Amino acid sequence: GEAVESGGGLVQPGGSLNLSCKASSEYPFSWYNMGWFRQNLGKERELVASISWGSGATTYSDSVKGRFTISRDNTKATMYLQMRQLRPEDTAVYYCHRVTSELDAALGDSWGQGTQVTVSS
C-alpha cells in the first residue's frame, strides 16, 4: 500500500490517542496534501483534518476542532493525528489519504486498511 495507519485502540471517554500514517518509500508523500478520514459502520467516510504539503496549513471538521491536532514530518514521510478529549462518537476506523489542493476532499481511490479507534467505558 501507499501508506499504513497505526496507533488506534480502545480508550475511555475523555482519553487520548496518537495516530500515525507512514508512507511507503515509493509514495511522494512530501509533495502531497494529506488528510485523516474516519468511517463508522453505516456512515459515509468523513474528512476530519487535513494538512498542506508545503506551508503546513491545516483544516479541521467542526466535530474535532479544538480536540484533534494534525501534523506531519516530511523527513520521515509520516503524518500524525493527536486526539484528545475523545468521545464515543469519535469511534471509527481512521484512514490517511491524499487530499485536494483545497484540503477538502480525497484525491484518488486507493485506501489502506485504516486503524480502529474505539471510545468506550
Protein backbone atom coordinates (compact mmCIF):
# COMPACT_ATOMS: atom_id res chain seq x y z
CA GLY A 1 0.00 0.00 0.00
CA GLU A 2 0.88 3.65 -0.23
CA ALA A 3 0.63 4.38 3.48
CA VAL A 4 -0.01 2.46 6.68
CA GLU A 5 -2.06 3.76 9.56
CA SER A 6 -1.33 2.79 13.17
CA GLY A 7 -1.92 3.83 16.76
CA GLY A 8 -5.60 3.03 17.18
CA GLY A 9 -7.04 1.22 20.16
CA LEU A 10 -9.61 1.24 22.94
CA VAL A 11 -9.76 4.34 25.13
CA GLN A 12 -12.18 5.68 27.71
CA PRO A 13 -14.18 8.85 27.05
CA GLY A 14 -12.00 11.86 27.79
CA GLY A 15 -8.85 9.96 26.93
CA SER A 16 -6.22 10.49 24.25
CA LEU A 17 -4.68 8.61 21.34
CA ASN A 18 -1.98 9.41 18.81
CA LEU A 19 -2.31 8.04 15.29
CA SER A 20 0.47 7.74 12.71
CA CYS A 21 0.44 7.38 8.94
CA LYS A 22 3.71 6.13 7.45
CA ALA A 23 4.08 6.41 3.68
CA SER A 24 5.97 3.88 1.62
CA SER A 25 9.29 4.90 0.09
CA GLU A 26 7.73 4.98 -3.40
CA TYR A 27 4.98 7.39 -2.37
CA PRO A 28 5.82 11.08 -2.98
CA PHE A 29 4.46 12.00 0.44
CA SER A 30 6.34 15.28 0.78
CA TRP A 31 4.60 16.73 -2.28
CA TYR A 32 1.06 15.78 -1.34
CA ASN A 33 -1.58 17.47 0.74
CA MET A 34 -2.76 14.81 3.19
CA GLY A 35 -5.73 14.22 5.43
CA TRP A 36 -7.21 11.99 8.08
CA PHE A 37 -10.59 10.44 7.37
CA ARG A 38 -12.83 8.28 9.52
CA GLN A 39 -15.71 5.94 8.84
CA ASN A 40 -18.09 4.19 11.16
CA LEU A 41 -20.46 1.37 10.29
CA GLY A 42 -23.35 2.56 8.17
CA LYS A 43 -21.94 6.04 7.76
CA GLU A 44 -20.11 7.83 4.99
CA ARG A 45 -16.40 8.43 5.24
CA GLU A 46 -15.72 11.82 6.85
CA LEU A 47 -12.70 14.10 6.45
CA VAL A 48 -11.72 15.24 9.94
CA ALA A 49 -8.38 17.00 9.39
CA SER A 50 -6.04 17.90 6.56
CA ILE A 51 -2.61 19.47 6.13
CA SER A 52 -0.88 21.03 3.14
CA TRP A 53 2.42 19.70 1.85
CA GLY A 54 4.38 22.96 1.94
CA SER A 55 3.15 25.59 4.39
CA GLY A 56 1.64 23.08 6.76
CA ALA A 57 -1.70 24.86 6.66
CA THR A 58 -4.37 22.80 8.44
CA THR A 59 -8.12 22.43 8.40
CA TYR A 60 -10.44 20.60 10.79
CA SER A 61 -14.04 19.50 10.78
CA ASP A 62 -16.24 21.17 13.34
CA SER A 63 -16.66 17.84 15.11
CA VAL A 64 -12.97 17.63 16.08
CA LYS A 65 -11.82 21.24 16.09
CA GLY A 66 -10.04 22.10 19.32
CA ARG A 67 -9.56 18.43 20.26
CA PHE A 68 -7.52 16.95 17.41
CA THR A 69 -4.19 18.17 16.01
CA ILE A 70 -2.80 17.11 12.65
CA SER A 71 0.90 17.35 11.87
CA ARG A 72 3.46 15.89 9.50
CA ASP A 73 7.18 15.21 9.30
CA ASN A 74 8.20 15.11 5.64
CA THR A 75 11.68 13.88 6.54
CA LYS A 76 10.07 10.75 7.93
CA ALA A 77 7.24 10.58 5.37
CA THR A 78 4.86 10.40 8.32
CA MET A 79 1.70 12.20 9.30
CA TYR A 80 0.20 12.28 12.78
CA LEU A 81 -3.14 12.87 14.45
CA GLN A 82 -3.17 13.76 18.14
CA MET A 83 -6.62 13.07 19.53
CA ARG A 84 -7.66 14.43 22.92
CA GLN A 85 -10.90 14.62 24.87
CA LEU A 86 -12.16 11.63 22.93
CA ARG A 87 -15.88 10.98 22.79
CA PRO A 88 -17.86 7.82 21.97
CA GLU A 89 -18.87 9.43 18.67
CA ASP A 90 -15.19 9.52 17.67
CA THR A 91 -15.32 5.72 17.40
CA ALA A 92 -14.47 4.78 13.80
CA VAL A 93 -11.83 3.35 11.51
CA TYR A 94 -9.35 6.12 10.76
CA TYR A 95 -7.60 6.39 7.39
CA CYS A 96 -4.94 8.66 5.96
CA HIS A 97 -5.19 9.69 2.33
CA ARG A 98 -4.10 12.28 -0.16
CA VAL A 99 -6.44 15.29 -0.41
CA THR A 100 -7.13 18.04 -2.94
CA SER A 101 -5.37 21.40 -3.10
CA GLU A 102 -8.38 22.87 -1.32
CA LEU A 103 -7.81 20.38 1.52
CA ASP A 104 -11.48 19.46 1.41
CA ALA A 105 -11.80 16.04 -0.24
CA ALA A 106 -9.97 12.82 -1.01
CA LEU A 107 -7.93 12.59 -4.18
CA GLY A 108 -7.67 9.08 -5.59
CA ASP A 109 -9.42 5.79 -4.88
CA SER A 110 -6.80 3.66 -3.17
CA TRP A 111 -7.38 3.29 0.58
CA GLY A 112 -5.41 1.45 3.21
CA GLN A 113 -6.77 -0.76 5.97
CA GLY A 114 -7.03 2.04 8.49
CA THR A 115 -6.71 1.82 12.25
CA GLN A 116 -9.64 1.22 14.58
CA VAL A 117 -10.37 3.75 17.33
CA THR A 118 -12.93 2.77 19.92
CA VAL A 119 -14.02 5.17 22.64
CA SER A 120 -15.97 3.38 25.32
CA SER A 121 -16.14 2.98 29.07
